[in-house]
Amino acid sequence: TVNDIIYLDAIFGDPEVMKFSDRGALSKSDQQVWLDTQLSQAKSMERFGAYAIEINTSGKVLGYVSLSQDLARIGPQEVEIGVRLARSAWGHGYAAEAVCTLVNAVDPPGRIVAIVDPNNHRSIKLMKRVGMIYDRQVMFAGYDYPDHIYAMDSRRPHAAKSKG
């Protein structure tokens, strides 16, 4: 919602959270542009877009999980999942729960992929935890090295493995 802007700085304004983003930490005005774009797209896109990850009891937004299908980034039979959390929410299982919940709720067509910087060990661990496996490399313009694509078939059950 438009009120979610109060939570965005803990996500997009934190250099550690945005360490592997191609743009780095975002200014407050760029955070507002991101939120406005997500709200606008949510009205026109079935299944796709960003969904807030929040604490049920308080409504506090911890981050987001998203589905997109940008053919400049992925193949035509693929759907990209993304997730980003405020640093205070790391290590509690929220990201894995959000990914599994979203995939099961929307039943996306085709394969589900995630594009991950190979140095982002937290995200790689998450992708493996939800059942994704390394698939291939992808090189984007302006990058010094390729990102890695993790994938899973969207028609198989998804459940986060226990953290133990």
N, C-alpha and C. Protein backbone atom coordinates (compact mmCIF):
# COMPACT_ATOMS: atom_id res chain seq x y z
N THR A 1 0.84 -1.19 0.00
CA THR A 1 0.00 0.00 0.00
C THR A 1 0.88 1.25 0.00
N VAL A 2 0.28 2.38 -0.21
CA VAL A 2 1.06 3.62 -0.19
C VAL A 2 1.68 3.87 1.18
N ASN A 3 1.11 3.32 2.23
CA ASN A 3 1.66 3.50 3.58
C ASN A 3 2.94 2.69 3.80
N ASP A 4 3.24 1.74 2.90
CA ASP A 4 4.43 0.90 3.05
C ASP A 4 5.73 1.67 2.87
N ILE A 5 5.67 2.90 2.38
CA ILE A 5 6.88 3.70 2.17
C ILE A 5 7.67 3.86 3.47
N ILE A 6 6.99 3.86 4.61
CA ILE A 6 7.71 4.05 5.88
C ILE A 6 8.66 2.88 6.18
N TYR A 7 8.42 1.72 5.57
CA TYR A 7 9.27 0.55 5.80
C TYR A 7 10.39 0.39 4.77
N LEU A 8 10.29 1.10 3.67
CA LEU A 8 11.21 0.85 2.55
C LEU A 8 12.65 1.23 2.82
N ASP A 9 12.89 2.25 3.63
CA ASP A 9 14.28 2.68 3.84
C ASP A 9 15.11 1.60 4.52
N ALA A 10 14.49 0.80 5.39
CA ALA A 10 15.21 -0.31 6.05
C ALA A 10 15.59 -1.39 5.04
N ILE A 11 14.93 -1.39 3.90
CA ILE A 11 15.23 -2.36 2.85
C ILE A 11 16.11 -1.72 1.78
N PHE A 12 15.57 -0.75 1.07
CA PHE A 12 16.26 -0.16 -0.08
C PHE A 12 17.32 0.86 0.29
N GLY A 13 17.26 1.42 1.49
CA GLY A 13 18.24 2.42 1.90
C GLY A 13 19.45 1.82 2.60
N ASP A 14 19.41 0.54 2.88
CA ASP A 14 20.50 -0.14 3.61
C ASP A 14 21.53 -0.67 2.62
N PRO A 15 22.75 -0.15 2.64
CA PRO A 15 23.78 -0.60 1.70
C PRO A 15 24.08 -2.11 1.80
N GLU A 16 23.94 -2.69 2.99
CA GLU A 16 24.19 -4.13 3.14
C GLU A 16 23.09 -4.95 2.46
N VAL A 17 21.84 -4.53 2.61
CA VAL A 17 20.72 -5.21 1.95
C VAL A 17 20.86 -5.09 0.43
N MET A 18 21.30 -3.93 -0.03
CA MET A 18 21.37 -3.65 -1.47
C MET A 18 22.75 -3.94 -2.08
N LYS A 19 23.59 -4.61 -1.32
CA LYS A 19 24.97 -4.87 -1.73
C LYS A 19 25.08 -5.52 -3.11
N PHE A 20 24.18 -6.41 -3.43
CA PHE A 20 24.27 -7.14 -4.70
C PHE A 20 23.31 -6.59 -5.76
N SER A 21 22.71 -5.46 -5.49
CA SER A 21 21.84 -4.80 -6.46
C SER A 21 22.70 -4.00 -7.43
N ASP A 22 22.31 -3.96 -8.67
CA ASP A 22 23.10 -3.21 -9.65
C ASP A 22 23.09 -1.70 -9.39
N ARG A 23 22.11 -1.21 -8.62
CA ARG A 23 22.03 0.22 -8.33
C ARG A 23 22.49 0.58 -6.93
N GLY A 24 22.70 -0.40 -6.07
CA GLY A 24 23.08 -0.10 -4.69
C GLY A 24 21.90 0.46 -3.91
N ALA A 25 22.19 1.04 -2.76
CA ALA A 25 21.14 1.62 -1.91
C ALA A 25 20.42 2.74 -2.66
N LEU A 26 19.11 2.84 -2.43
CA LEU A 26 18.29 3.83 -3.12
C LEU A 26 17.98 5.02 -2.22
N SER A 27 17.91 6.18 -2.83
CA SER A 27 17.49 7.39 -2.11
C SER A 27 16.00 7.27 -1.79
N LYS A 28 15.53 8.11 -0.90
CA LYS A 28 14.11 8.09 -0.54
C LYS A 28 13.23 8.38 -1.76
N SER A 29 13.67 9.27 -2.64
CA SER A 29 12.86 9.56 -3.83
C SER A 29 12.84 8.36 -4.77
N ASP A 30 13.94 7.63 -4.89
CA ASP A 30 13.96 6.41 -5.72
C ASP A 30 13.11 5.31 -5.09
N GLN A 31 13.07 5.26 -3.77
CA GLN A 31 12.21 4.29 -3.08
C GLN A 31 10.74 4.59 -3.39
N GLN A 32 10.38 5.87 -3.40
CA GLN A 32 9.00 6.26 -3.72
C GLN A 32 8.66 5.90 -5.15
N VAL A 33 9.59 6.11 -6.07
CA VAL A 33 9.37 5.72 -7.48
C VAL A 33 9.16 4.22 -7.57
N TRP A 34 9.97 3.43 -6.85
CA TRP A 34 9.81 1.97 -6.87
C TRP A 34 8.42 1.59 -6.37
N LEU A 35 7.99 2.16 -5.24
CA LEU A 35 6.69 1.84 -4.68
C LEU A 35 5.56 2.25 -5.64
N ASP A 36 5.65 3.45 -6.20
CA ASP A 36 4.62 3.90 -7.14
C ASP A 36 4.53 2.98 -8.35
N THR A 37 5.68 2.53 -8.85
CA THR A 37 5.71 1.61 -9.99
C THR A 37 5.05 0.29 -9.63
N GLN A 38 5.37 -0.24 -8.45
CA GLN A 38 4.78 -1.51 -8.03
C GLN A 38 3.27 -1.39 -7.88
N LEU A 39 2.80 -0.31 -7.29
CA LEU A 39 1.36 -0.12 -7.10
C LEU A 39 0.65 0.03 -8.43
N SER A 40 1.27 0.73 -9.37
CA SER A 40 0.69 0.91 -10.70
C SER A 40 0.62 -0.42 -11.45
N GLN A 41 1.70 -1.19 -11.39
CA GLN A 41 1.74 -2.47 -12.08
C GLN A 41 0.78 -3.48 -11.47
N ALA A 42 0.59 -3.41 -10.17
CA ALA A 42 -0.29 -4.37 -9.48
C ALA A 42 -1.72 -4.28 -10.01
N LYS A 43 -2.12 -3.12 -10.47
CA LYS A 43 -3.47 -2.93 -10.99
C LYS A 43 -3.66 -3.58 -12.36
N SER A 44 -2.57 -3.77 -13.09
CA SER A 44 -2.70 -4.26 -14.47
C SER A 44 -2.12 -5.64 -14.72
N MET A 45 -1.44 -6.22 -13.75
CA MET A 45 -0.76 -7.49 -13.99
C MET A 45 -1.34 -8.60 -13.13
N GLU A 46 -1.88 -9.61 -13.77
CA GLU A 46 -2.38 -10.77 -13.05
C GLU A 46 -1.20 -11.64 -12.65
N ARG A 47 -1.14 -12.05 -11.41
CA ARG A 47 -0.09 -12.91 -10.84
C ARG A 47 1.23 -12.19 -10.61
N PHE A 48 1.63 -11.28 -11.47
CA PHE A 48 2.96 -10.70 -11.40
C PHE A 48 2.96 -9.42 -10.57
N GLY A 49 4.12 -9.12 -9.99
CA GLY A 49 4.28 -7.92 -9.19
C GLY A 49 4.92 -8.26 -7.86
N ALA A 50 5.04 -7.24 -7.01
CA ALA A 50 5.66 -7.40 -5.71
C ALA A 50 4.59 -7.50 -4.64
N TYR A 51 4.82 -8.39 -3.69
CA TYR A 51 3.91 -8.61 -2.57
C TYR A 51 4.67 -8.36 -1.27
N ALA A 52 4.07 -7.59 -0.38
CA ALA A 52 4.71 -7.28 0.89
C ALA A 52 4.83 -8.53 1.75
N ILE A 53 5.95 -8.65 2.44
CA ILE A 53 6.15 -9.67 3.47
C ILE A 53 5.98 -8.92 4.79
N GLU A 54 4.98 -9.31 5.55
CA GLU A 54 4.72 -8.57 6.78
C GLU A 54 4.43 -9.50 7.94
N ILE A 55 4.59 -8.96 9.14
CA ILE A 55 4.24 -9.68 10.36
C ILE A 55 2.73 -9.58 10.52
N ASN A 56 2.07 -10.73 10.62
CA ASN A 56 0.60 -10.74 10.71
C ASN A 56 0.07 -9.93 11.88
N THR A 57 0.70 -10.05 13.03
CA THR A 57 0.16 -9.41 14.24
C THR A 57 0.30 -7.89 14.24
N SER A 58 1.37 -7.38 13.63
CA SER A 58 1.61 -5.93 13.67
C SER A 58 1.42 -5.24 12.33
N GLY A 59 1.48 -5.99 11.25
CA GLY A 59 1.40 -5.38 9.92
C GLY A 59 2.70 -4.75 9.47
N LYS A 60 3.75 -4.89 10.28
CA LYS A 60 5.05 -4.32 9.91
C LYS A 60 5.59 -5.03 8.67
N VAL A 61 5.98 -4.24 7.68
CA VAL A 61 6.53 -4.79 6.44
C VAL A 61 8.01 -5.09 6.63
N LEU A 62 8.39 -6.33 6.33
CA LEU A 62 9.78 -6.78 6.47
C LEU A 62 10.52 -6.78 5.14
N GLY A 63 9.78 -6.79 4.04
CA GLY A 63 10.38 -6.87 2.72
C GLY A 63 9.32 -7.18 1.69
N TYR A 64 9.76 -7.79 0.59
CA TYR A 64 8.82 -8.16 -0.46
C TYR A 64 9.29 -9.42 -1.17
N VAL A 65 8.35 -10.07 -1.82
CA VAL A 65 8.62 -11.19 -2.71
C VAL A 65 7.90 -10.83 -4.00
N SER A 66 8.51 -11.16 -5.15
CA SER A 66 7.91 -10.73 -6.41
C SER A 66 7.99 -11.82 -7.47
N LEU A 67 7.11 -11.70 -8.43
CA LEU A 67 7.14 -12.52 -9.65
C LEU A 67 7.15 -11.57 -10.84
N SER A 68 7.99 -11.87 -11.83
CA SER A 68 8.04 -11.05 -13.04
C SER A 68 8.38 -11.93 -14.23
N GLN A 69 8.15 -11.38 -15.40
CA GLN A 69 8.45 -12.12 -16.62
C GLN A 69 9.03 -11.14 -17.64
N ASP A 70 10.26 -10.72 -17.39
CA ASP A 70 10.97 -9.79 -18.26
C ASP A 70 11.80 -10.62 -19.23
N LEU A 71 11.37 -10.67 -20.50
CA LEU A 71 12.03 -11.52 -21.49
C LEU A 71 13.44 -11.04 -21.85
N ALA A 72 13.83 -9.87 -21.41
CA ALA A 72 15.21 -9.42 -21.58
C ALA A 72 16.12 -10.09 -20.55
N ARG A 73 15.53 -10.68 -19.51
CA ARG A 73 16.29 -11.31 -18.44
C ARG A 73 16.18 -12.83 -18.43
N ILE A 74 15.03 -13.35 -18.84
CA ILE A 74 14.75 -14.79 -18.73
C ILE A 74 14.09 -15.31 -20.00
N GLY A 75 13.95 -16.63 -20.08
CA GLY A 75 13.33 -17.25 -21.24
C GLY A 75 11.81 -17.13 -21.24
N PRO A 76 11.18 -17.39 -22.40
CA PRO A 76 9.73 -17.22 -22.53
C PRO A 76 8.90 -18.20 -21.70
N GLN A 77 9.47 -19.31 -21.30
CA GLN A 77 8.75 -20.29 -20.47
C GLN A 77 9.15 -20.20 -19.00
N GLU A 78 9.72 -19.04 -18.62
CA GLU A 78 10.20 -18.87 -17.25
C GLU A 78 9.53 -17.68 -16.57
N VAL A 79 9.44 -17.76 -15.26
CA VAL A 79 8.95 -16.69 -14.40
C VAL A 79 10.03 -16.45 -13.35
N GLU A 80 10.41 -15.19 -13.16
CA GLU A 80 11.47 -14.86 -12.20
C GLU A 80 10.87 -14.51 -10.84
N ILE A 81 11.43 -15.10 -9.81
CA ILE A 81 11.03 -14.77 -8.45
C ILE A 81 12.14 -13.94 -7.82
N GLY A 82 11.75 -12.97 -7.05
CA GLY A 82 12.71 -12.13 -6.34
C GLY A 82 12.26 -11.95 -4.91
N VAL A 83 13.20 -11.70 -4.03
CA VAL A 83 12.86 -11.48 -2.63
C VAL A 83 13.92 -10.58 -2.02
N ARG A 84 13.47 -9.68 -1.18
CA ARG A 84 14.41 -8.80 -0.48
C ARG A 84 13.80 -8.49 0.89
N LEU A 85 14.62 -8.60 1.92
CA LEU A 85 14.18 -8.35 3.30
C LEU A 85 15.06 -7.30 3.97
N ALA A 86 14.45 -6.58 4.91
CA ALA A 86 15.23 -5.71 5.79
C ALA A 86 16.22 -6.58 6.56
N ARG A 87 17.37 -6.05 6.85
CA ARG A 87 18.41 -6.83 7.52
C ARG A 87 17.94 -7.40 8.86
N SER A 88 17.09 -6.67 9.57
CA SER A 88 16.59 -7.14 10.87
C SER A 88 15.75 -8.41 10.72
N ALA A 89 15.28 -8.72 9.52
CA ALA A 89 14.45 -9.90 9.29
C ALA A 89 15.24 -11.09 8.75
N TRP A 90 16.54 -10.91 8.52
CA TRP A 90 17.36 -11.99 7.99
C TRP A 90 17.48 -13.13 9.02
N GLY A 91 17.54 -14.35 8.52
CA GLY A 91 17.83 -15.51 9.35
C GLY A 91 16.65 -16.06 10.13
N HIS A 92 15.44 -15.61 9.86
CA HIS A 92 14.26 -16.08 10.59
C HIS A 92 13.36 -16.98 9.76
N GLY A 93 13.72 -17.24 8.51
CA GLY A 93 12.91 -18.10 7.65
C GLY A 93 11.81 -17.37 6.89
N TYR A 94 11.71 -16.05 7.03
CA TYR A 94 10.65 -15.29 6.36
C TYR A 94 10.76 -15.39 4.84
N ALA A 95 11.96 -15.30 4.30
CA ALA A 95 12.13 -15.31 2.84
C ALA A 95 11.70 -16.65 2.25
N ALA A 96 12.12 -17.75 2.85
CA ALA A 96 11.74 -19.07 2.35
C ALA A 96 10.23 -19.26 2.44
N GLU A 97 9.64 -18.85 3.53
CA GLU A 97 8.19 -18.97 3.70
C GLU A 97 7.45 -18.14 2.65
N ALA A 98 7.93 -16.92 2.39
CA ALA A 98 7.29 -16.05 1.40
C ALA A 98 7.40 -16.61 -0.01
N VAL A 99 8.58 -17.11 -0.36
CA VAL A 99 8.77 -17.69 -1.70
C VAL A 99 7.83 -18.87 -1.89
N CYS A 100 7.81 -19.79 -0.95
CA CYS A 100 6.96 -20.99 -1.06
C CYS A 100 5.48 -20.62 -1.08
N THR A 101 5.09 -19.68 -0.24
CA THR A 101 3.69 -19.26 -0.19
C THR A 101 3.26 -18.63 -1.51
N LEU A 102 4.08 -17.76 -2.06
CA LEU A 102 3.73 -17.11 -3.32
C LEU A 102 3.64 -18.11 -4.46
N VAL A 103 4.62 -18.98 -4.57
CA VAL A 103 4.62 -19.97 -5.65
C VAL A 103 3.39 -20.86 -5.56
N ASN A 104 3.06 -21.31 -4.37
CA ASN A 104 1.89 -22.16 -4.20
C ASN A 104 0.58 -21.41 -4.43
N ALA A 105 0.53 -20.13 -4.09
CA ALA A 105 -0.70 -19.36 -4.22
C ALA A 105 -1.03 -18.99 -5.66
N VAL A 106 -0.03 -18.63 -6.44
CA VAL A 106 -0.31 -18.14 -7.79
C VAL A 106 -0.09 -19.18 -8.87
N ASP A 107 0.56 -20.30 -8.55
CA ASP A 107 0.80 -21.36 -9.51
C ASP A 107 1.32 -20.79 -10.84
N PRO A 108 2.52 -20.20 -10.83
CA PRO A 108 3.02 -19.56 -12.04
C PRO A 108 3.24 -20.56 -13.17
N PRO A 109 3.06 -20.11 -14.41
CA PRO A 109 3.29 -20.98 -15.55
C PRO A 109 4.78 -21.21 -15.78
N GLY A 110 5.14 -22.38 -16.26
CA GLY A 110 6.53 -22.65 -16.62
C GLY A 110 7.47 -22.81 -15.45
N ARG A 111 8.75 -22.66 -15.74
CA ARG A 111 9.78 -22.79 -14.71
C ARG A 111 9.92 -21.51 -13.91
N ILE A 112 10.26 -21.67 -12.65
CA ILE A 112 10.53 -20.52 -11.79
C ILE A 112 12.04 -20.38 -11.70
N VAL A 113 12.53 -19.17 -11.93
CA VAL A 113 13.97 -18.92 -11.87
C VAL A 113 14.25 -17.76 -10.94
N ALA A 114 15.46 -17.75 -10.43
CA ALA A 114 15.97 -16.63 -9.64
C ALA A 114 17.34 -16.28 -10.18
N ILE A 115 17.60 -15.00 -10.35
CA ILE A 115 18.90 -14.53 -10.83
C ILE A 115 19.66 -14.02 -9.62
N VAL A 116 20.83 -14.62 -9.38
CA VAL A 116 21.57 -14.36 -8.15
C VAL A 116 23.03 -14.06 -8.47
N ASP A 117 23.56 -13.04 -7.82
CA ASP A 117 24.99 -12.77 -7.91
C ASP A 117 25.71 -13.96 -7.28
N PRO A 118 26.71 -14.53 -7.95
CA PRO A 118 27.39 -15.72 -7.40
C PRO A 118 28.09 -15.47 -6.06
N ASN A 119 28.29 -14.21 -5.69
CA ASN A 119 28.89 -13.89 -4.40
C ASN A 119 27.86 -13.70 -3.29
N ASN A 120 26.58 -13.76 -3.64
CA ASN A 120 25.51 -13.56 -2.67
C ASN A 120 25.14 -14.91 -2.06
N HIS A 121 25.95 -15.34 -1.11
CA HIS A 121 25.81 -16.68 -0.53
C HIS A 121 24.50 -16.85 0.24
N ARG A 122 23.98 -15.78 0.83
CA ARG A 122 22.69 -15.86 1.53
C ARG A 122 21.56 -16.22 0.56
N SER A 123 21.55 -15.55 -0.59
CA SER A 123 20.49 -15.83 -1.58
C SER A 123 20.64 -17.21 -2.19
N ILE A 124 21.86 -17.63 -2.44
CA ILE A 124 22.09 -18.97 -2.98
C ILE A 124 21.59 -20.02 -1.99
N LYS A 125 21.88 -19.83 -0.72
CA LYS A 125 21.40 -20.75 0.32
C LYS A 125 19.87 -20.79 0.33
N LEU A 126 19.24 -19.63 0.21
CA LEU A 126 17.78 -19.55 0.17
C LEU A 126 17.23 -20.31 -1.03
N MET A 127 17.80 -20.09 -2.20
CA MET A 127 17.30 -20.76 -3.41
C MET A 127 17.38 -22.27 -3.26
N LYS A 128 18.49 -22.75 -2.72
CA LYS A 128 18.63 -24.19 -2.50
C LYS A 128 17.63 -24.68 -1.46
N ARG A 129 17.40 -23.88 -0.45
CA ARG A 129 16.49 -24.27 0.63
C ARG A 129 15.06 -24.47 0.13
N VAL A 130 14.64 -23.68 -0.86
CA VAL A 130 13.27 -23.80 -1.38
C VAL A 130 13.20 -24.78 -2.55
N GLY A 131 14.31 -25.44 -2.85
CA GLY A 131 14.29 -26.49 -3.87
C GLY A 131 14.80 -26.11 -5.24
N MET A 132 15.41 -24.94 -5.36
CA MET A 132 15.95 -24.54 -6.65
C MET A 132 17.37 -25.09 -6.80
N ILE A 133 17.76 -25.33 -8.04
CA ILE A 133 19.11 -25.81 -8.32
C ILE A 133 19.77 -24.90 -9.36
N TYR A 134 21.10 -24.87 -9.33
CA TYR A 134 21.85 -24.07 -10.30
C TYR A 134 21.50 -24.54 -11.70
N ASP A 135 21.23 -23.60 -12.60
CA ASP A 135 20.82 -23.93 -13.96
C ASP A 135 21.83 -23.44 -15.00
N ARG A 136 22.20 -22.16 -14.91
CA ARG A 136 23.09 -21.60 -15.93
C ARG A 136 23.58 -20.22 -15.51
N GLN A 137 24.51 -19.69 -16.28
CA GLN A 137 24.99 -18.32 -16.08
C GLN A 137 24.26 -17.39 -17.05
N VAL A 138 24.20 -16.12 -16.68
CA VAL A 138 23.65 -15.10 -17.57
C VAL A 138 24.53 -13.86 -17.42
N MET A 139 24.89 -13.27 -18.53
CA MET A 139 25.76 -12.09 -18.51
C MET A 139 24.93 -10.89 -18.96
N PHE A 140 24.81 -9.89 -18.10
CA PHE A 140 24.08 -8.68 -18.43
C PHE A 140 25.05 -7.58 -18.85
N ALA A 141 24.60 -6.72 -19.73
CA ALA A 141 25.41 -5.60 -20.20
C ALA A 141 25.86 -4.75 -19.01
N GLY A 142 27.13 -4.37 -19.02
CA GLY A 142 27.67 -3.54 -17.96
C GLY A 142 28.17 -4.29 -16.75
N TYR A 143 27.97 -5.61 -16.71
CA TYR A 143 28.45 -6.42 -15.59
C TYR A 143 29.88 -6.90 -15.86
N ASP A 144 30.64 -7.10 -14.79
CA ASP A 144 32.01 -7.60 -14.90
C ASP A 144 32.07 -9.12 -14.92
N TYR A 145 31.04 -9.77 -14.43
CA TYR A 145 31.00 -11.23 -14.36
C TYR A 145 29.54 -11.66 -14.43
N PRO A 146 29.30 -12.91 -14.81
CA PRO A 146 27.91 -13.36 -14.97
C PRO A 146 27.21 -13.63 -13.64
N ASP A 147 25.90 -13.42 -13.64
CA ASP A 147 25.06 -13.85 -12.53
C ASP A 147 24.72 -15.32 -12.75
N HIS A 148 24.19 -15.95 -11.72
CA HIS A 148 23.78 -17.35 -11.81
C HIS A 148 22.26 -17.44 -11.78
N ILE A 149 21.73 -18.35 -12.56
CA ILE A 149 20.30 -18.60 -12.56
C ILE A 149 20.05 -19.92 -11.86
N TYR A 150 19.16 -19.87 -10.85
CA TYR A 150 18.69 -21.06 -10.15
C TYR A 150 17.26 -21.29 -10.63
N ALA A 151 16.86 -22.56 -10.72
CA ALA A 151 15.55 -22.85 -11.29
C ALA A 151 14.88 -24.04 -10.62
N MET A 152 13.55 -24.08 -10.77
CA MET A 152 12.77 -25.25 -10.36
C MET A 152 11.51 -25.28 -11.21
N ASP A 153 10.96 -26.45 -11.36
CA ASP A 153 9.72 -26.63 -12.09
C ASP A 153 8.59 -26.11 -11.22
N SER A 154 7.73 -25.28 -11.77
CA SER A 154 6.66 -24.68 -10.96
C SER A 154 5.55 -25.65 -10.62
N ARG A 155 5.54 -26.83 -11.23
CA ARG A 155 4.47 -27.78 -10.96
C ARG A 155 4.78 -28.77 -9.85
N ARG A 156 5.92 -28.65 -9.23
CA ARG A 156 6.24 -29.55 -8.12
C ARG A 156 5.94 -28.86 -6.79
N PRO A 157 5.67 -29.61 -5.75
CA PRO A 157 5.37 -28.97 -4.47
C PRO A 157 6.58 -28.23 -3.93
N HIS A 158 6.32 -27.15 -3.26
CA HIS A 158 7.39 -26.30 -2.71
C HIS A 158 7.20 -26.19 -1.21
N ALA A 159 8.21 -26.58 -0.51
CA ALA A 159 8.18 -26.42 0.95
C ALA A 159 9.60 -26.17 1.39
N ALA A 160 9.78 -25.15 2.18
CA ALA A 160 11.11 -24.85 2.68
C ALA A 160 11.59 -25.98 3.56
N LYS A 161 12.82 -26.38 3.32
CA LYS A 161 13.42 -27.40 4.19
C LYS A 161 13.69 -26.78 5.55
N SER A 162 13.68 -27.61 6.58
CA SER A 162 13.92 -27.08 7.92
C SER A 162 15.31 -26.48 7.98
N LYS A 163 15.48 -25.50 8.85
CA LYS A 163 16.76 -24.81 8.97
C LYS A 163 17.81 -25.65 9.67
N GLY A 164 17.41 -26.75 10.27
CA GLY A 164 18.34 -27.56 11.05
C GLY A 164 19.28 -28.38 10.30
